[in-house]
PDB file of N, CA and C in Angstrom:
ATOM      1  N   MET A   1      16.420  50.852  10.273  1.00  0.00           N
ATOM      2  CA  MET A   1      17.427  49.625  11.029  1.00  0.00           C
ATOM      3  C   MET A   1      16.972  48.285  11.146  1.00  0.00           C
ATOM      4  N   GLY A   2      16.042  48.113  11.419  1.00  0.00           N
ATOM      5  CA  GLY A   2      15.140  46.701  11.954  1.00  0.00           C
ATOM      6  C   GLY A   2      15.319  46.046  10.550  1.00  0.00           C
ATOM      7  N   LEU A   3      14.763  46.768   9.224  1.00  0.00           N
ATOM      8  CA  LEU A   3      14.581  46.435   7.857  1.00  0.00           C
ATOM      9  C   LEU A   3      15.948  45.691   7.296  1.00  0.00           C
ATOM     10  N   LEU A   4      16.984  46.441   8.078  1.00  0.00           N
ATOM     11  CA  LEU A   4      18.337  45.836   7.249  1.00  0.00           C
ATOM     12  C   LEU A   4      18.963  44.705   8.324  1.00  0.00           C
ATOM     13  N   ASP A   5      18.421  44.471   9.507  1.00  0.00           N
ATOM     14  CA  ASP A   5      18.905  43.764  10.503  1.00  0.00           C
ATOM     15  C   ASP A   5      18.132  42.133  10.008  1.00  0.00           C
ATOM     16  N   ASN A   6      16.625  42.595   9.601  1.00  0.00           N
ATOM     17  CA  ASN A   6      16.208  41.493   9.373  1.00  0.00           C
ATOM     18  C   ASN A   6      16.836  40.584   7.872  1.00  0.00           C
ATOM     19  N   LEU A   7      16.998  41.721   7.064  1.00  0.00           N
ATOM     20  CA  LEU A   7      17.984  40.973   5.703  1.00  0.00           C
ATOM     21  C   LEU A   7      19.035  41.002   5.911  1.00  0.00           C
ATOM     22  N   SER A   8      19.805  41.360   7.006  1.00  0.00           N
ATOM     23  CA  SER A   8      21.323  40.459   7.349  1.00  0.00           C
ATOM     24  C   SER A   8      21.013  39.006   7.707  1.00  0.00           C
ATOM     25  N   ASP A   9      20.703  39.290   8.392  1.00  0.00           N
ATOM     26  CA  ASP A   9      19.689  38.106   9.092  1.00  0.00           C
ATOM     27  C   ASP A   9      19.540  36.872   8.337  1.00  0.00           C
ATOM     28  N   SER A  10      18.325  37.396   7.336  1.00  0.00           N
ATOM     29  CA  SER A  10      18.049  35.799   6.478  1.00  0.00           C
ATOM     30  C   SER A  10      19.013  35.745   5.464  1.00  0.00           C
ATOM     31  N   ILE A  11      19.695  36.846   5.125  1.00  0.00           N
ATOM     32  CA  ILE A  11      20.985  36.451   4.246  1.00  0.00           C
ATOM     33  C   ILE A  11      22.201  35.757   4.988  1.00  0.00           C
ATOM     34  N   ARG A  12      22.228  35.710   5.951  1.00  0.00           N
ATOM     35  CA  ARG A  12      23.360  34.906   7.124  1.00  0.00           C
ATOM     36  C   ARG A  12      22.387  33.562   6.744  1.00  0.00           C
ATOM     37  N   SER A  13      21.379  33.572   7.298  1.00  0.00           N
ATOM     38  CA  SER A  13      20.789  32.045   7.122  1.00  0.00           C
ATOM     39  C   SER A  13      20.419  31.318   6.263  1.00  0.00           C
ATOM     40  N   THR A  14      20.133  31.707   4.830  1.00  0.00           N
ATOM     41  CA  THR A  14      20.575  31.499   3.638  1.00  0.00           C
ATOM     42  C   THR A  14      21.764  30.545   3.502  1.00  0.00           C
ATOM     43  N   THR A  15      23.086  32.028   4.030  1.00  0.00           N
ATOM     44  CA  THR A  15      24.503  30.941   3.444  1.00  0.00           C
ATOM     45  C   THR A  15      24.795  30.041   3.786  1.00  0.00           C
ATOM     46  N   GLN A  16      24.326  30.366   5.718  1.00  0.00           N
ATOM     47  CA  GLN A  16      24.611  28.825   6.344  1.00  0.00           C
ATOM     48  C   GLN A  16      23.764  27.542   6.023  1.00  0.00           C
ATOM     49  N   ASP A  17      22.912  27.649   5.220  1.00  0.00           N
ATOM     50  CA  ASP A  17      21.823  26.726   5.168  1.00  0.00           C
ATOM     51  C   ASP A  17      22.714  26.063   3.380  1.00  0.00           C
ATOM     52  N   LEU A  18      22.640  27.453   2.784  1.00  0.00           N
ATOM     53  CA  LEU A  18      23.731  26.714   1.962  1.00  0.00           C
ATOM     54  C   LEU A  18      25.305  26.052   1.941  1.00  0.00           C
ATOM     55  N   GLY A  19      25.801  26.101   3.346  1.00  0.00           N
ATOM     56  CA  GLY A  19      26.880  25.723   3.164  1.00  0.00           C
ATOM     57  C   GLY A  19      26.613  24.268   3.718  1.00  0.00           C
ATOM     58  N   LYS A  20      26.104  24.301   4.477  1.00  0.00           N
ATOM     59  CA  LYS A  20      24.835  22.930   4.952  1.00  0.00           C
ATOM     60  C   LYS A  20      24.893  22.063   3.741  1.00  0.00           C
ATOM     61  N   LYS A  21      24.204  22.412   3.084  1.00  0.00           N
ATOM     62  CA  LYS A  21      23.664  21.224   2.269  1.00  0.00           C
ATOM     63  C   LYS A  21      25.314  21.436   1.405  1.00  0.00           C
ATOM     64  N   ALA A  22      25.966  22.076   1.186  1.00  0.00           N
ATOM     65  CA  ALA A  22      27.134  21.709   0.215  1.00  0.00           C
ATOM     66  C   ALA A  22      28.122  20.436   1.258  1.00  0.00           C
ATOM     67  N   GLN A  23      28.050  21.328   2.142  1.00  0.00           N
ATOM     68  CA  GLN A  23      28.768  19.803   3.174  1.00  0.00           C
ATOM     69  C   GLN A  23      28.093  18.345   2.940  1.00  0.00           C
ATOM     70  N   ASN A  24      26.918  18.692   2.694  1.00  0.00           N
ATOM     71  CA  ASN A  24      26.213  17.890   3.229  1.00  0.00           C
ATOM     72  C   ASN A  24      26.452  16.893   1.771  1.00  0.00           C
ATOM     73  N   ALA A  25      26.406  17.240   0.617  1.00  0.00           N
ATOM     74  CA  ALA A  25      26.568  17.017  -0.429  1.00  0.00           C
ATOM     75  C   ALA A  25      28.112  16.143  -0.701  1.00  0.00           C
ATOM     76  N   THR A  26      28.927  17.089  -0.405  1.00  0.00           N
ATOM     77  CA  THR A  26      30.303  16.745  -0.073  1.00  0.00           C
ATOM     78  C   THR A  26      30.554  15.252   0.458  1.00  0.00           C
ATOM     79  N   ASP A  27      30.187  15.385   1.861  1.00  0.00           N
ATOM     80  CA  ASP A  27      30.056  14.078   2.767  1.00  0.00           C
ATOM     81  C   ASP A  27      29.746  12.919   2.095  1.00  0.00           C
ATOM     82  N   MET A  28      28.286  13.139   1.208  1.00  0.00           N
ATOM     83  CA  MET A  28      27.540  12.019   0.330  1.00  0.00           C
ATOM     84  C   MET A  28      28.138  11.476  -0.498  1.00  0.00           C
ATOM     85  N   THR A  29      29.510  12.363  -1.093  1.00  0.00           N
ATOM     86  CA  THR A  29      30.140  11.862  -2.531  1.00  0.00           C
ATOM     87  C   THR A  29      31.474  11.387  -1.708  1.00  0.00           C
ATOM     88  N   LYS A  30      32.052  11.389  -0.671  1.00  0.00           N
ATOM     89  CA  LYS A  30      32.628  11.000  -0.062  1.00  0.00           C
ATOM     90  C   LYS A  30      32.210   9.071   0.378  1.00  0.00           C
ATOM     91  N   LEU A  31      31.003   9.366   1.093  1.00  0.00           N
ATOM     92  CA  LEU A  31      30.623   7.869   1.548  1.00  0.00           C
ATOM     93  C   LEU A  31      30.751   7.318   0.490  1.00  0.00           C
ATOM     94  N   GLN A  32      29.975   7.721  -0.425  1.00  0.00           N
ATOM     95  CA  GLN A  32      29.277   7.054  -1.389  1.00  0.00           C
ATOM     96  C   GLN A  32      30.258   6.268  -2.226  1.00  0.00           C
ATOM     97  N   TYR A  33      31.641   7.354  -2.173  1.00  0.00           N
ATOM     98  CA  TYR A  33      33.298   6.582  -3.158  1.00  0.00           C
ATOM     99  C   TYR A  33      33.824   5.401  -2.188  1.00  0.00           C
ATOM    100  N   ASP A  34      33.663   5.772  -0.291  1.00  0.00           N
ATOM    101  CA  ASP A  34      34.557   4.662   0.315  1.00  0.00           C
ATOM    102  C   ASP A  34      33.612   3.281   0.477  1.00  0.00           C
ATOM    103  N   LYS A  35      32.480   3.661  -0.172  1.00  0.00           N
ATOM    104  CA  LYS A  35      31.526   2.446  -0.169  1.00  0.00           C
ATOM    105  C   LYS A  35      31.764   1.350  -1.567  1.00  0.00           C
ATOM    106  N   LYS A  36      32.082   2.530  -2.587  1.00  0.00           N
ATOM    107  CA  LYS A  36      31.943   1.406  -4.151  1.00  0.00           C
ATOM    108  C   LYS A  36      34.119   1.326  -3.630  1.00  0.00           C
ATOM    109  N   VAL A  37      34.521   1.969  -2.978  1.00  0.00           N
ATOM    110  CA  VAL A  37      36.341   0.857  -2.678  1.00  0.00           C
ATOM    111  C   VAL A  37      35.831  -0.092  -2.035  1.00  0.00           C
ATOM    112  N   LYS A  38      35.044  -0.242  -0.538  1.00  0.00           N
ATOM    113  CA  LYS A  38      34.795  -1.589   0.133  1.00  0.00           C
ATOM    114  C   LYS A  38      34.244  -2.289  -0.923  1.00  0.00           C
ATOM    115  N   GLU A  39      33.330  -1.875  -1.404  1.00  0.00           N
ATOM    116  CA  GLU A  39      32.776  -3.385  -2.699  1.00  0.00           C
ATOM    117  C   GLU A  39      33.565  -3.869  -3.056  1.00  0.00           C
ATOM    118  N   GLY A  40      34.126  -3.038  -3.925  1.00  0.00           N
ATOM    119  CA  GLY A  40      35.715  -3.598  -4.826  1.00  0.00           C
ATOM    120  C   GLY A  40      36.372  -4.468  -4.258  1.00  0.00           C
ATOM    121  N   GLU A  41      36.952  -3.973  -2.896  1.00  0.00           N
ATOM    122  CA  GLU A  41      37.719  -5.202  -2.347  1.00  0.00           C
ATOM    123  C   GLU A  41      36.674  -6.046  -1.859  1.00  0.00           C
ATOM    124  N   LEU A  42      35.633  -6.155  -1.075  1.00  0.00           N
ATOM    125  CA  LEU A  42      34.930  -7.067  -1.000  1.00  0.00           C
ATOM    126  C   LEU A  42      34.996  -8.372  -2.537  1.00  0.00           C
ATOM    127  N   ILE A  43      34.902  -7.431  -3.392  1.00  0.00           N
ATOM    128  CA  ILE A  43      34.699  -8.381  -4.585  1.00  0.00           C
ATOM    129  C   ILE A  43      36.068  -9.116  -4.626  1.00  0.00           C
ATOM    130  N   LYS A  44      37.129  -8.361  -4.632  1.00  0.00           N
ATOM    131  CA  LYS A  44      38.651  -9.315  -4.801  1.00  0.00           C
ATOM    132  C   LYS A  44      38.915 -10.297  -3.542  1.00  0.00           C
ATOM    133  N   LEU A  45      38.237 -10.375  -2.513  1.00  0.00           N
ATOM    134  CA  LEU A  45      38.369 -11.248  -1.311  1.00  0.00           C
ATOM    135  C   LEU A  45      37.674 -12.244  -1.778  1.00  0.00           C
ATOM    136  N   TYR A  46      35.988 -11.961  -2.177  1.00  0.00           N
ATOM    137  CA  TYR A  46      35.524 -13.279  -2.747  1.00  0.00           C
ATOM    138  C   TYR A  46      36.027 -14.229  -3.784  1.00  0.00           C
ATOM    139  N   GLU A  47      36.641 -13.239  -4.758  1.00  0.00           N
ATOM    140  CA  GLU A  47      37.874 -13.771  -5.763  1.00  0.00           C
ATOM    141  C   GLU A  47      38.958 -14.583  -5.489  1.00  0.00           C
ATOM    142  N   LYS A  48      39.276 -14.358  -4.152  1.00  0.00           N
ATOM    143  CA  LYS A  48      40.890 -15.144  -3.622  1.00  0.00           C
ATOM    144  C   LYS A  48      40.029 -16.176  -3.141  1.00  0.00           C
ATOM    145  N   LEU A  49      38.750 -15.959  -2.107  1.00  0.00           N
ATOM    146  CA  LEU A  49      39.080 -17.392  -1.575  1.00  0.00           C
ATOM    147  C   LEU A  49      38.395 -17.888  -2.474  1.00  0.00           C
ATOM    148  N   GLY A  50      36.952 -17.731  -3.589  1.00  0.00           N
ATOM    149  CA  GLY A  50      36.776 -18.954  -4.305  1.00  0.00           C
ATOM    150  C   GLY A  50      37.979 -19.396  -5.162  1.00  0.00           C
ATOM    151  N   LYS A  51      38.587 -18.418  -5.751  1.00  0.00           N
ATOM    152  CA  LYS A  51      40.033 -19.662  -6.570  1.00  0.00           C
ATOM    153  C   LYS A  51      40.795 -20.139  -4.824  1.00  0.00           C
ATOM    154  N   LYS A  52      40.996 -20.765  -4.482  1.00  0.00           N
ATOM    155  CA  LYS A  52      41.486 -20.914  -3.238  1.00  0.00           C
ATOM    156  C   LYS A  52      40.933 -22.103  -3.157  1.00  0.00           C
ATOM    157  N   TYR A  53      39.230 -22.406  -2.822  1.00  0.00           N
ATOM    158  CA  TYR A  53      37.997 -22.921  -2.988  1.00  0.00           C
ATOM    159  C   TYR A  53      38.421 -23.899  -4.006  1.00  0.00           C
ATOM    160  N   TYR A  54      38.213 -23.383  -5.036  1.00  0.00           N
ATOM    161  CA  TYR A  54      38.144 -23.911  -6.367  1.00  0.00           C
ATOM    162  C   TYR A  54      39.812 -25.078  -6.323  1.00  0.00           C
ATOM    163  N   GLN A  55      40.765 -24.515  -6.218  1.00  0.00           N
ATOM    164  CA  GLN A  55      42.206 -25.296  -5.910  1.00  0.00           C
ATOM    165  C   GLN A  55      42.269 -26.171  -4.938  1.00  0.00           C
ATOM    166  N   GLU A  56      41.742 -26.167  -4.282  1.00  0.00           N
ATOM    167  CA  GLU A  56      41.381 -27.176  -2.530  1.00  0.00           C
ATOM    168  C   GLU A  56      40.750 -28.108  -3.225  1.00  0.00           C
ATOM    169  N   HIS A  57      39.544 -28.188  -4.253  1.00  0.00           N
ATOM    170  CA  HIS A  57      38.574 -29.003  -4.147  1.00  0.00           C
ATOM    171  C   HIS A  57      38.333 -29.110  -5.937  1.00  0.00           C
ATOM    172  N   LYS A  58      39.532 -29.201  -6.911  1.00  0.00           N
ATOM    173  CA  LYS A  58      39.299 -28.787  -8.652  1.00  0.00           C
ATOM    174  C   LYS A  58      38.983 -30.350  -8.552  1.00  0.00           C
ATOM    175  N   ASP A  59      38.868 -31.692  -7.832  1.00  0.00           N
ATOM    176  CA  ASP A  59      39.039 -32.980  -8.058  1.00  0.00           C
ATOM    177  C   ASP A  59      37.882 -33.375  -8.074  1.00  0.00           C
ATOM    178  N   GLU A  60      36.604 -32.351  -7.138  1.00  0.00           N
ATOM    179  CA  GLU A  60      35.854 -33.290  -6.712  1.00  0.00           C
ATOM    180  C   GLU A  60      34.870 -33.068  -8.106  1.00  0.00           C
ATOM    181  N   ASP A  61      33.603 -33.468  -7.971  1.00  0.00           N
ATOM    182  CA  ASP A  61      32.636 -34.013  -8.820  1.00  0.00           C
ATOM    183  C   ASP A  61      31.005 -33.093  -8.892  1.00  0.00           C
ATOM    184  N   SER A  62      31.598 -31.683  -8.019  1.00  0.00           N
ATOM    185  CA  SER A  62      30.060 -30.989  -8.556  1.00  0.00           C
ATOM    186  C   SER A  62      30.050 -29.797  -9.571  1.00  0.00           C
ATOM    187  N   GLU A  63      28.831 -29.796  -9.648  1.00  0.00           N
ATOM    188  CA  GLU A  63      28.833 -29.210 -10.965  1.00  0.00           C
ATOM    189  C   GLU A  63      29.322 -27.929 -11.486  1.00  0.00           C
ATOM    190  N   ASP A  64      29.482 -26.962 -10.443  1.00  0.00           N
ATOM    191  CA  ASP A  64      30.416 -25.566 -10.618  1.00  0.00           C
ATOM    192  C   ASP A  64      31.911 -26.153 -10.689  1.00  0.00           C
ATOM    193  N   ILE A  65      32.012 -26.926  -9.614  1.00  0.00           N
ATOM    194  CA  ILE A  65      33.746 -27.525 -10.475  1.00  0.00           C
ATOM    195  C   ILE A  65      33.731 -27.752 -11.318  1.00  0.00           C
ATOM    196  N   LYS A  66      32.616 -28.587 -12.575  1.00  0.00           N
ATOM    197  CA  LYS A  66      33.453 -28.776 -13.511  1.00  0.00           C
ATOM    198  C   LYS A  66      32.838 -27.399 -14.989  1.00  0.00           C
ATOM    199  N   ARG A  67      31.751 -26.748 -14.013  1.00  0.00           N
ATOM    200  CA  ARG A  67      32.372 -25.457 -15.224  1.00  0.00           C
ATOM    201  C   ARG A  67      33.405 -24.578 -15.199  1.00  0.00           C
ATOM    202  N   ILE A  68      33.941 -24.704 -13.983  1.00  0.00           N
ATOM    203  CA  ILE A  68      34.572 -24.011 -13.990  1.00  0.00           C
ATOM    204  C   ILE A  68      36.355 -24.180 -14.539  1.00  0.00           C
ATOM    205  N   THR A  69      36.517 -25.290 -14.351  1.00  0.00           N
ATOM    206  CA  THR A  69      37.378 -26.052 -15.226  1.00  0.00           C
ATOM    207  C   THR A  69      37.432 -26.338 -16.699  1.00  0.00           C
ATOM    208  N   ALA A  70      35.994 -26.285 -16.557  1.00  0.00           N
ATOM    209  CA  ALA A  70      35.952 -25.934 -18.411  1.00  0.00           C
ATOM    210  C   ALA A  70      35.367 -24.694 -18.867  1.00  0.00           C
ATOM    211  N   VAL A  71      35.397 -23.609 -18.015  1.00  0.00           N
ATOM    212  CA  VAL A  71      35.859 -22.459 -18.537  1.00  0.00           C
ATOM    213  C   VAL A  71      36.976 -21.838 -18.773  1.00  0.00           C
ATOM    214  N   THR A  72      38.164 -22.294 -17.598  1.00  0.00           N
ATOM    215  CA  THR A  72      39.446 -22.064 -18.013  1.00  0.00           C
ATOM    216  C   THR A  72      40.303 -22.921 -18.829  1.00  0.00           C
ATOM    217  N   LEU A  73      39.949 -23.937 -18.904  1.00  0.00           N
ATOM    218  CA  LEU A  73      40.187 -24.779 -20.491  1.00  0.00           C
ATOM    219  C   LEU A  73      39.994 -23.928 -21.319  1.00  0.00           C
ATOM    220  N   ARG A  74      38.914 -23.657 -21.827  1.00  0.00           N
ATOM    221  CA  ARG A  74      38.442 -23.053 -23.093  1.00  0.00           C
ATOM    222  C   ARG A  74      39.341 -21.195 -22.951  1.00  0.00           C
ATOM    223  N   ILE A  75      39.471 -20.748 -21.955  1.00  0.00           N
ATOM    224  CA  ILE A  75      40.527 -19.376 -22.082  1.00  0.00           C
ATOM    225  C   ILE A  75      41.787 -19.700 -22.393  1.00  0.00           C
ATOM    226  N   LYS A  76      42.438 -21.158 -21.771  1.00  0.00           N
ATOM    227  CA  LYS A  76      43.636 -21.356 -22.705  1.00  0.00           C
ATOM    228  C   LYS A  76      43.731 -21.528 -23.887  1.00  0.00           C
ATOM    229  N   GLU A  77      42.768 -22.371 -24.135  1.00  0.00           N
ATOM    230  CA  GLU A  77      42.620 -22.640 -25.556  1.00  0.00           C
ATOM    231  C   GLU A  77      42.294 -21.204 -26.833  1.00  0.00           C
ATOM    232  N   ILE A  78      41.593 -20.356 -26.370  1.00  0.00           N
ATOM    233  CA  ILE A  78      41.509 -18.943 -26.711  1.00  0.00           C
ATOM    234  C   ILE A  78      43.097 -18.391 -26.634  1.00  0.00           C
ATOM    235  N   SER A  79      43.244 -18.427 -25.574  1.00  0.00           N
ATOM    236  CA  SER A  79      45.179 -17.728 -25.722  1.00  0.00           C
ATOM    237  C   SER A  79      45.774 -18.350 -26.740  1.00  0.00           C
ATOM    238  N   ASP A  80      45.692 -20.044 -26.225  1.00  0.00           N
ATOM    239  CA  ASP A  80      46.944 -20.513 -27.472  1.00  0.00           C
ATOM    240  C   ASP A  80      46.435 -19.983 -28.869  1.00  0.00           C
ATOM    241  N   ASP A  81      45.485 -20.010 -29.321  1.00  0.00           N
ATOM    242  CA  ASP A  81      44.841 -19.279 -30.723  1.00  0.00           C
ATOM    243  C   ASP A  81      45.782 -17.843 -30.295  1.00  0.00           C
ATOM    244  N   ILE A  82      45.307 -16.943 -29.761  1.00  0.00           N
ATOM    245  CA  ILE A  82      45.599 -15.759 -30.088  1.00  0.00           C
ATOM    246  C   ILE A  82      47.341 -15.815 -29.768  1.00  0.00           C
ATOM    247  N   MET A  83      48.150 -16.584 -29.548  1.00  0.00           N
ATOM    248  CA  MET A  83      49.267 -16.215 -29.400  1.00  0.00           C
ATOM    249  C   MET A  83      49.776 -17.180 -31.006  1.00  0.00           C
ATOM    250  N   ALA A  84      49.127 -18.184 -31.096  1.00  0.00           N
ATOM    251  CA  ALA A  84      49.359 -18.670 -32.420  1.00  0.00           C
ATOM    252  C   ALA A  84      49.229 -17.581 -33.700  1.00  0.00           C
ATOM    253  N   LEU A  85      47.945 -16.895 -33.539  1.00  0.00           N
ATOM    254  CA  LEU A  85      48.145 -15.288 -34.544  1.00  0.00           C
ATOM    255  C   LEU A  85      49.172 -14.709 -34.367  1.00  0.00           C
ATOM    256  N   LYS A  86      49.489 -14.661 -33.235  1.00  0.00           N
ATOM    257  CA  LYS A  86      50.789 -13.826 -33.167  1.00  0.00           C
ATOM    258  C   LYS A  86      52.381 -13.974 -33.553  1.00  0.00           C
ATOM    259  N   GLY A  87      51.853 -15.399 -34.138  1.00  0.00           N
ATOM    260  CA  GLY A  87      53.179 -15.786 -34.180  1.00  0.00           C
ATOM    261  C   GLY A  87      53.998 -16.616 -33.143  1.00  0.00           C
ATOM    262  N   GLY A  88      53.406 -16.983 -31.768  1.00  0.00           N
ATOM    263  CA  GLY A  88      54.718 -17.891 -31.045  1.00  0.00           C
ATOM    264  C   GLY A  88      53.208 -18.635 -30.002  1.00  0.00           C
ATOM    265  N   VAL A  89      53.904 -18.701 -28.809  1.00  0.00           N
ATOM    266  CA  VAL A  89      53.131 -19.482 -27.795  1.00  0.00           C
ATOM    267  C   VAL A  89      53.383 -18.681 -26.600  1.00  0.00           C
ATOM    268  N   ALA A  90      52.374 -19.117 -25.640  1.00  0.00           N
ATOM    269  CA  ALA A  90      52.316 -18.515 -24.294  1.00  0.00           C
ATOM    270  C   ALA A  90      53.520 -18.945 -23.269  1.00  0.00           C
ATOM    271  N   CYS A  91      54.099 -18.351 -22.662  1.00  0.00           N
ATOM    272  CA  CYS A  91      55.426 -19.069 -21.636  1.00  0.00           C
ATOM    273  C   CYS A  91      55.174 -19.789 -21.228  1.00  0.00           C
ATOM    274  N   PRO A  92      55.057 -21.104 -20.576  1.00  0.00           N
ATOM    275  CA  PRO A  92      54.309 -21.519 -19.581  1.00  0.00           C
ATOM    276  C   PRO A  92      54.674 -21.193 -17.997  1.00  0.00           C
ATOM    277  N   LYS A  93      55.447 -20.079 -17.730  1.00  0.00           N
ATOM    278  CA  LYS A  93      56.091 -19.778 -16.628  1.00  0.00           C
ATOM    279  C   LYS A  93      55.434 -18.041 -16.365  1.00  0.00           C
ATOM    280  N   CYS A  94      55.054 -17.123 -17.323  1.00  0.00           N
ATOM    281  CA  CYS A  94      54.923 -15.754 -16.934  1.00  0.00           C
ATOM    282  C   CYS A  94      54.128 -15.528 -18.026  1.00  0.00           C
ATOM    283  N   GLY A  95      53.560 -15.952 -19.525  1.00  0.00           N
ATOM    284  CA  GLY A  95      52.654 -16.025 -20.172  1.00  0.00           C
ATOM    285  C   GLY A  95      52.660 -15.288 -21.399  1.00  0.00           C
ATOM    286  N   ALA A  96      54.119 -14.662 -21.333  1.00  0.00           N
ATOM    287  CA  ALA A  96      54.129 -13.559 -22.526  1.00  0.00           C
ATOM    288  C   ALA A  96      54.675 -14.403 -23.448  1.00  0.00           C
ATOM    289  N   LEU A  97      54.609 -13.700 -24.779  1.00  0.00           N
ATOM    290  CA  LEU A  97      54.716 -14.279 -26.028  1.00  0.00           C
ATOM    291  C   LEU A  97      56.057 -14.964 -26.122  1.00  0.00           C
ATOM    292  N   VAL A  98      56.255 -15.860 -26.703  1.00  0.00           N
ATOM    293  CA  VAL A  98      57.401 -16.441 -26.795  1.00  0.00           C
ATOM    294  C   VAL A  98      57.078 -16.781 -28.406  1.00  0.00           C
ATOM    295  N   LYS A  99      58.016 -15.577 -29.400  1.00  0.00           N
ATOM    296  CA  LYS A  99      57.799 -16.315 -31.145  1.00  0.00           C
ATOM    297  C   LYS A  99      58.290 -17.514 -31.114  1.00  0.00           C
ATOM    298  N   ASN A 100      57.720 -18.389 -32.365  1.00  0.00           N
ATOM    299  CA  ASN A 100      58.204 -19.371 -33.136  1.00  0.00           C
ATOM    300  C   ASN A 100      59.664 -19.324 -33.044  1.00  0.00           C
ATOM    301  N   GLY A 101      60.596 -20.860 -32.660  1.00  0.00           N
ATOM    302  CA  GLY A 101      61.665 -21.191 -32.828  1.00  0.00           C
ATOM    303  C   GLY A 101      62.320 -20.447 -31.720  1.00  0.00           C
ATOM    304  N   SER A 102      62.049 -19.579 -30.580  1.00  0.00           N
ATOM    305  CA  SER A 102      62.815 -19.066 -29.571  1.00  0.00           C
ATOM    306  C   SER A 102      62.962 -20.053 -28.804  1.00  0.00           C
ATOM    307  N   MET A 103      64.370 -20.048 -27.842  1.00  0.00           N
ATOM    308  CA  MET A 103      64.794 -21.265 -26.886  1.00  0.00           C
ATOM    309  C   MET A 103      64.255 -20.584 -25.588  1.00  0.00           C
ATOM    310  N   TYR A 104      64.175 -19.650 -25.651  1.00  0.00           N
ATOM    311  CA  TYR A 104      64.232 -18.809 -24.040  1.00  0.00           C
ATOM    312  C   TYR A 104      63.122 -17.755 -24.128  1.00  0.00           C
ATOM    313  N   CYS A 105      62.532 -17.234 -23.167  1.00  0.00           N
ATOM    314  CA  CYS A 105      61.491 -16.439 -23.285  1.00  0.00           C
ATOM    315  C   CYS A 105      61.880 -15.290 -22.555  1.00  0.00           C
ATOM    316  N   SER A 106      61.718 -14.110 -23.615  1.00  0.00           N
ATOM    317  CA  SER A 106      62.166 -13.072 -23.417  1.00  0.00           C
ATOM    318  C   SER A 106      62.311 -11.966 -21.893  1.00  0.00           C
ATOM    319  N   ALA A 107      60.886 -12.368 -21.790  1.00  0.00           N
ATOM    320  CA  ALA A 107      59.945 -11.857 -20.515  1.00  0.00           C
ATOM    321  C   ALA A 107      60.808 -12.605 -19.052  1.00  0.00           C
ATOM    322  N   CYS A 108      61.154 -13.906 -19.213  1.00  0.00           N
ATOM    323  CA  CYS A 108      61.367 -14.179 -17.569  1.00  0.00           C
ATOM    324  C   CYS A 108      62.733 -15.094 -17.931  1.00  0.00           C
ATOM    325  N   GLY A 109      63.148 -15.276 -18.978  1.00  0.00           N
ATOM    326  CA  GLY A 109      64.356 -16.398 -19.167  1.00  0.00           C
ATOM    327  C   GLY A 109      64.186 -17.810 -19.092  1.00  0.00           C
ATOM    328  N   GLU A 110      63.054 -18.365 -19.027  1.00  0.00           N
ATOM    329  CA  GLU A 110      61.907 -20.036 -18.995  1.00  0.00           C
ATOM    330  C   GLU A 110      62.559 -20.316 -20.196  1.00  0.00           C
ATOM    331  N   LYS A 111      63.212 -21.674 -20.165  1.00  0.00           N
ATOM    332  CA  LYS A 111      63.830 -22.229 -21.695  1.00  0.00           C
ATOM    333  C   LYS A 111      62.232 -22.988 -21.772  1.00  0.00           C
ATOM    334  N   ILE A 112      62.034 -22.665 -23.482  1.00  0.00           N
ATOM    335  CA  ILE A 112      60.844 -23.337 -23.800  1.00  0.00           C
ATOM    336  C   ILE A 112      60.755 -23.931 -24.910  1.00  0.00           C
ATOM    337  N   GLU A 113      62.169 -24.474 -25.684  1.00  0.00           N
ATOM    338  CA  GLU A 113      62.639 -25.040 -26.652  1.00  0.00           C
ATOM    339  C   GLU A 113      61.469 -26.098 -26.543  1.00  0.00           C
ATOM    340  N   ASP A 114      61.136 -27.102 -25.853  1.00  0.00           N
ATOM    341  CA  ASP A 114      59.887 -28.475 -25.611  1.00  0.00           C
ATOM    342  C   ASP A 114      58.795 -27.765 -25.809  1.00  0.00           C
ATOM    343  N   ILE A 115      57.938 -26.606 -26.219  1.00  0.00           N
ATOM    344  CA  ILE A 115      57.110 -26.494 -26.326  1.00  0.00           C
ATOM    345  C   ILE A 115      56.786 -26.778 -27.960  1.00  0.00           C
ATOM    346  N   PHE A 116      58.264 -26.279 -29.077  1.00  0.00           N
ATOM    347  CA  PHE A 116      57.671 -26.197 -29.710  1.00  0.00           C
ATOM    348  C   PHE A 116      58.432 -27.648 -30.666  1.00  0.00           C
ATOM    349  N   GLU A 117      58.607 -28.304 -29.977  1.00  0.00           N
ATOM    350  CA  GLU A 117      59.121 -29.911 -30.402  1.00  0.00           C
ATOM    351  C   GLU A 117      57.649 -30.530 -30.656  1.00  0.00           C
ATOM    352  N   GLU A 118      56.627 -30.288 -29.661  1.00  0.00           N
ATOM    353  CA  GLU A 118      55.139 -30.489 -29.570  1.00  0.00           C
ATOM    354  C   GLU A 118      54.599 -31.236 -30.741  1.00  0.00           C
TER     355      GLU A 118
END
């Protein structure tokens, strides 16, 4: 009987060890996921803070401000080029495509006829 008891104890111990390892792996995965979510949240907060800072200081003469302004202007130019290739312009209010000759934005209703007169 001693042999069966030893075998039973060994199986029970191994099963418990495997259960603990599986639980640890599950806990580790959950913690890593939670960490990634919080890091993403932190990045969004930094971005929001940076945008706020830029808006408050965009008239200053710092190199970083100048670079952000230049990149922002270039993005606008590229967006305008894309809209032109699509046969329209971006609505100044919502950014949706407004086809050439339209008087109003179909997405937000903004009157945009002045854009085409320029």
